[in-house]
PDB file of N, CA and C in Angstrom:
ATOM      1  N   MET A   1       4.164  -8.632 -14.588  1.00  0.00           N
ATOM      2  CA  MET A   1       4.380  -7.392 -13.866  1.00  0.00           C
ATOM      3  C   MET A   1       3.213  -7.084 -12.933  1.00  0.00           C
ATOM      4  N   LYS A   2       2.001  -7.406 -13.368  1.00  0.00           N
ATOM      5  CA  LYS A   2       0.839  -7.111 -12.527  1.00  0.00           C
ATOM      6  C   LYS A   2       0.827  -7.943 -11.260  1.00  0.00           C
ATOM      7  N   SER A   3       1.457  -9.102 -11.285  1.00  0.00           N
ATOM      8  CA  SER A   3       1.488  -9.938 -10.078  1.00  0.00           C
ATOM      9  C   SER A   3       2.373  -9.326  -8.999  1.00  0.00           C
ATOM     10  N   ALA A   4       3.277  -8.443  -9.369  1.00  0.00           N
ATOM     11  CA  ALA A   4       4.169  -7.808  -8.381  1.00  0.00           C
ATOM     12  C   ALA A   4       3.556  -6.545  -7.792  1.00  0.00           C
ATOM     13  N   LEU A   5       2.460  -6.066  -8.338  1.00  0.00           N
ATOM     14  CA  LEU A   5       1.888  -4.810  -7.854  1.00  0.00           C
ATOM     15  C   LEU A   5       1.243  -4.936  -6.479  1.00  0.00           C
ATOM     16  N   SER A   6       0.689  -6.086  -6.163  1.00  0.00           N
ATOM     17  CA  SER A   6       0.071  -6.266  -4.856  1.00  0.00           C
ATOM     18  C   SER A   6       1.103  -6.181  -3.720  1.00  0.00           C
ATOM     19  N   PRO A   7       2.221  -6.917  -3.786  1.00  0.00           N
ATOM     20  CA  PRO A   7       3.223  -6.768  -2.716  1.00  0.00           C
ATOM     21  C   PRO A   7       3.858  -5.367  -2.697  1.00  0.00           C
ATOM     22  N   ILE A   8       3.998  -4.761  -3.853  1.00  0.00           N
ATOM     23  CA  ILE A   8       4.564  -3.395  -3.901  1.00  0.00           C
ATOM     24  C   ILE A   8       3.642  -2.434  -3.152  1.00  0.00           C
ATOM     25  N   CYS A   9       2.346  -2.539  -3.379  1.00  0.00           N
ATOM     26  CA  CYS A   9       1.388  -1.668  -2.683  1.00  0.00           C
ATOM     27  C   CYS A   9       1.436  -1.906  -1.179  1.00  0.00           C
ATOM     28  N   LEU A  10       1.547  -3.157  -0.774  1.00  0.00           N
ATOM     29  CA  LEU A  10       1.579  -3.458   0.660  1.00  0.00           C
ATOM     30  C   LEU A  10       2.860  -2.959   1.308  1.00  0.00           C
ATOM     31  N   TYR A  11       3.983  -3.047   0.609  1.00  0.00           N
ATOM     32  CA  TYR A  11       5.230  -2.480   1.138  1.00  0.00           C
ATOM     33  C   TYR A  11       5.150  -0.954   1.207  1.00  0.00           C
ATOM     34  N   LEU A  12       4.504  -0.347   0.223  1.00  0.00           N
ATOM     35  CA  LEU A  12       4.352   1.105   0.248  1.00  0.00           C
ATOM     36  C   LEU A  12       3.474   1.583   1.398  1.00  0.00           C
ATOM     37  N   ILE A  13       2.515   0.744   1.794  1.00  0.00           N
ATOM     38  CA  ILE A  13       1.702   1.071   2.969  1.00  0.00           C
ATOM     39  C   ILE A  13       2.590   1.137   4.206  1.00  0.00           C
ATOM     40  N   ALA A  14       3.458   0.148   4.355  1.00  0.00           N
ATOM     41  CA  ALA A  14       4.349   0.119   5.513  1.00  0.00           C
ATOM     42  C   ALA A  14       5.294   1.324   5.509  1.00  0.00           C
ATOM     43  N   ILE A  15       5.836   1.644   4.352  1.00  0.00           N
ATOM     44  CA  ILE A  15       6.767   2.775   4.257  1.00  0.00           C
ATOM     45  C   ILE A  15       6.039   4.088   4.521  1.00  0.00           C
ATOM     46  N   THR A  16       4.833   4.225   3.971  1.00  0.00           N
ATOM     47  CA  THR A  16       4.062   5.456   4.187  1.00  0.00           C
ATOM     48  C   THR A  16       3.756   5.659   5.662  1.00  0.00           C
ATOM     49  N   ASN A  17       3.318   4.593   6.332  1.00  0.00           N
ATOM     50  CA  ASN A  17       2.977   4.741   7.752  1.00  0.00           C
ATOM     51  C   ASN A  17       4.209   4.939   8.615  1.00  0.00           C
ATOM     52  N   LEU A  18       5.319   4.331   8.247  1.00  0.00           N
ATOM     53  CA  LEU A  18       6.548   4.537   9.006  1.00  0.00           C
ATOM     54  C   LEU A  18       7.045   5.969   8.874  1.00  0.00           C
ATOM     55  N   LEU A  19       7.027   6.502   7.650  1.00  0.00           N
ATOM     56  CA  LEU A  19       7.442   7.889   7.455  1.00  0.00           C
ATOM     57  C   LEU A  19       6.488   8.864   8.130  1.00  0.00           C
ATOM     58  N   ALA A  20       5.199   8.541   8.093  1.00  0.00           N
ATOM     59  CA  ALA A  20       4.216   9.406   8.759  1.00  0.00           C
ATOM     60  C   ALA A  20       4.444   9.416  10.260  1.00  0.00           C
ATOM     61  N   TYR A  21       4.814   8.297  10.819  1.00  0.00           N
ATOM     62  CA  TYR A  21       5.082   8.236  12.261  1.00  0.00           C
ATOM     63  C   TYR A  21       6.372   8.984  12.624  1.00  0.00           C
ATOM     64  N   TRP A  22       7.416   8.760  11.817  1.00  0.00           N
ATOM     65  CA  TRP A  22       8.702   9.385  12.117  1.00  0.00           C
ATOM     66  C   TRP A  22       8.628  10.910  12.016  1.00  0.00           C
ATOM     67  N   PHE A  23       7.956  11.418  10.985  1.00  0.00           N
ATOM     68  CA  PHE A  23       7.939  12.852  10.742  1.00  0.00           C
ATOM     69  C   PHE A  23       6.679  13.516  11.258  1.00  0.00           C
ATOM     70  N   ASP A  24       5.919  12.806  12.112  1.00  0.00           N
ATOM     71  CA  ASP A  24       4.726  13.337  12.763  1.00  0.00           C
ATOM     72  C   ASP A  24       3.743  13.898  11.725  1.00  0.00           C
ATOM     73  N   PHE A  25       3.439  13.054  10.749  1.00  0.00           N
ATOM     74  CA  PHE A  25       2.575  13.449   9.640  1.00  0.00           C
ATOM     75  C   PHE A  25       1.409  12.472   9.557  1.00  0.00           C
ATOM     76  N   MET A  26       0.628  12.385  10.641  1.00  0.00           N
ATOM     77  CA  MET A  26      -0.455  11.416  10.726  1.00  0.00           C
ATOM     78  C   MET A  26      -1.783  12.044  10.337  1.00  0.00           C
ATOM     79  N   GLY A  27      -1.793  12.789   9.261  1.00  0.00           N
ATOM     80  CA  GLY A  27      -2.997  13.492   8.863  1.00  0.00           C
ATOM     81  C   GLY A  27      -3.824  12.730   7.857  1.00  0.00           C
ATOM     82  N   ILE A  28      -4.723  13.454   7.240  1.00  0.00           N
ATOM     83  CA  ILE A  28      -5.654  12.854   6.291  1.00  0.00           C
ATOM     84  C   ILE A  28      -4.929  12.378   5.044  1.00  0.00           C
ATOM     85  N   VAL A  29      -3.824  12.982   4.690  1.00  0.00           N
ATOM     86  CA  VAL A  29      -3.067  12.550   3.506  1.00  0.00           C
ATOM     87  C   VAL A  29      -2.490  11.158   3.730  1.00  0.00           C
ATOM     88  N   SER A  30      -1.929  10.939   4.895  1.00  0.00           N
ATOM     89  CA  SER A  30      -1.347   9.631   5.209  1.00  0.00           C
ATOM     90  C   SER A  30      -2.444   8.564   5.249  1.00  0.00           C
ATOM     91  N   TRP A  31      -3.556   8.876   5.869  1.00  0.00           N
ATOM     92  CA  TRP A  31      -4.658   7.914   5.933  1.00  0.00           C
ATOM     93  C   TRP A  31      -5.225   7.613   4.557  1.00  0.00           C
ATOM     94  N   SER A  32      -5.397   8.631   3.752  1.00  0.00           N
ATOM     95  CA  SER A  32      -5.961   8.400   2.423  1.00  0.00           C
ATOM     96  C   SER A  32      -5.000   7.609   1.536  1.00  0.00           C
ATOM     97  N   MET A  33      -3.703   7.881   1.641  1.00  0.00           N
ATOM     98  CA  MET A  33      -2.737   7.087   0.865  1.00  0.00           C
ATOM     99  C   MET A  33      -2.747   5.630   1.301  1.00  0.00           C
ATOM    100  N   THR A  34      -2.885   5.399   2.608  1.00  0.00           N
ATOM    101  CA  THR A  34      -2.943   4.037   3.116  1.00  0.00           C
ATOM    102  C   THR A  34      -4.173   3.307   2.582  1.00  0.00           C
ATOM    103  N   ILE A  35      -5.311   3.964   2.595  1.00  0.00           N
ATOM    104  CA  ILE A  35      -6.555   3.333   2.126  1.00  0.00           C
ATOM    105  C   ILE A  35      -6.485   3.072   0.630  1.00  0.00           C
ATOM    106  N   ILE A  36      -5.980   4.026  -0.137  1.00  0.00           N
ATOM    107  CA  ILE A  36      -5.869   3.843  -1.588  1.00  0.00           C
ATOM    108  C   ILE A  36      -4.915   2.709  -1.924  1.00  0.00           C
ATOM    109  N   LEU A  37      -3.769   2.673  -1.254  1.00  0.00           N
ATOM    110  CA  LEU A  37      -2.804   1.594  -1.509  1.00  0.00           C
ATOM    111  C   LEU A  37      -3.349   0.237  -1.084  1.00  0.00           C
ATOM    112  N   LEU A  38      -4.110   0.200   0.004  1.00  0.00           N
ATOM    113  CA  LEU A  38      -4.712  -1.050   0.442  1.00  0.00           C
ATOM    114  C   LEU A  38      -5.747  -1.552  -0.564  1.00  0.00           C
ATOM    115  N   MET A  39      -6.536  -0.644  -1.109  1.00  0.00           N
ATOM    116  CA  MET A  39      -7.520  -1.032  -2.108  1.00  0.00           C
ATOM    117  C   MET A  39      -6.849  -1.504  -3.401  1.00  0.00           C
ATOM    118  N   LEU A  40      -5.780  -0.813  -3.804  1.00  0.00           N
ATOM    119  CA  LEU A  40      -5.039  -1.243  -4.991  1.00  0.00           C
ATOM    120  C   LEU A  40      -4.378  -2.601  -4.773  1.00  0.00           C
ATOM    121  N   GLY A  41      -3.807  -2.801  -3.588  1.00  0.00           N
ATOM    122  CA  GLY A  41      -3.190  -4.087  -3.292  1.00  0.00           C
ATOM    123  C   GLY A  41      -4.198  -5.223  -3.302  1.00  0.00           C
ATOM    124  N   ALA A  42      -5.394  -4.958  -2.793  1.00  0.00           N
ATOM    125  CA  ALA A  42      -6.438  -5.979  -2.817  1.00  0.00           C
ATOM    126  C   ALA A  42      -6.915  -6.225  -4.245  1.00  0.00           C
ATOM    127  N   TYR A  43      -6.983  -5.194  -5.045  1.00  0.00           N
ATOM    128  CA  TYR A  43      -7.421  -5.349  -6.435  1.00  0.00           C
ATOM    129  C   TYR A  43      -6.431  -6.188  -7.243  1.00  0.00           C
ATOM    130  N   PHE A  44      -5.147  -5.934  -7.053  1.00  0.00           N
ATOM    131  CA  PHE A  44      -4.146  -6.628  -7.849  1.00  0.00           C
ATOM    132  C   PHE A  44      -3.852  -8.036  -7.362  1.00  0.00           C
ATOM    133  N   THR A  45      -4.505  -8.496  -6.293  1.00  0.00           N
ATOM    134  CA  THR A  45      -4.326  -9.897  -5.903  1.00  0.00           C
ATOM    135  C   THR A  45      -4.972 -10.818  -6.925  1.00  0.00           C
ATOM    136  N   ARG A  46      -5.857 -10.289  -7.747  1.00  0.00           N
ATOM    137  CA  ARG A  46      -6.461 -11.111  -8.797  1.00  0.00           C
ATOM    138  C   ARG A  46      -5.427 -11.580  -9.802  1.00  0.00           C
ATOM    139  N   TYR A  47      -4.337 -10.843  -9.958  1.00  0.00           N
ATOM    140  CA  TYR A  47      -3.297 -11.204 -10.920  1.00  0.00           C
ATOM    141  C   TYR A  47      -2.178 -12.021 -10.296  1.00  0.00           C
ATOM    142  N   SER A  48      -2.330 -12.432  -9.037  1.00  0.00           N
ATOM    143  CA  SER A  48      -1.259 -13.212  -8.410  1.00  0.00           C
ATOM    144  C   SER A  48      -1.183 -14.601  -9.066  1.00  0.00           C
ATOM    145  N   ALA A  49       0.003 -15.140  -9.037  1.00  0.00           N
ATOM    146  CA  ALA A  49       0.251 -16.413  -9.730  1.00  0.00           C
ATOM    147  C   ALA A  49      -0.488 -17.549  -9.020  1.00  0.00           C
ATOM    148  N   GLU A  50      -1.125 -18.365  -9.791  1.00  0.00           N
ATOM    149  CA  GLU A  50      -1.800 -19.536  -9.246  1.00  0.00           C
ATOM    150  C   GLU A  50      -0.913 -20.752  -9.460  1.00  0.00           C
ATOM    151  N   SER A  51      -0.696 -21.487  -8.389  1.00  0.00           N
ATOM    152  CA  SER A  51       0.150 -22.673  -8.510  1.00  0.00           C
ATOM    153  C   SER A  51      -0.510 -23.885  -7.901  1.00  0.00           C
TER     154      SER A  51
END
């Protein structure tokens, strides 16, 4: 399950920024969510499957 968290975080970044653009919500909340999700996505790459 932890190996799926990195792509989930990266997809949530895209969705967050798309919704922020559509609804004109480009404030500090959108930026902070993007940075937090990016840091979480980078952290969970340690659990990605090694092949």
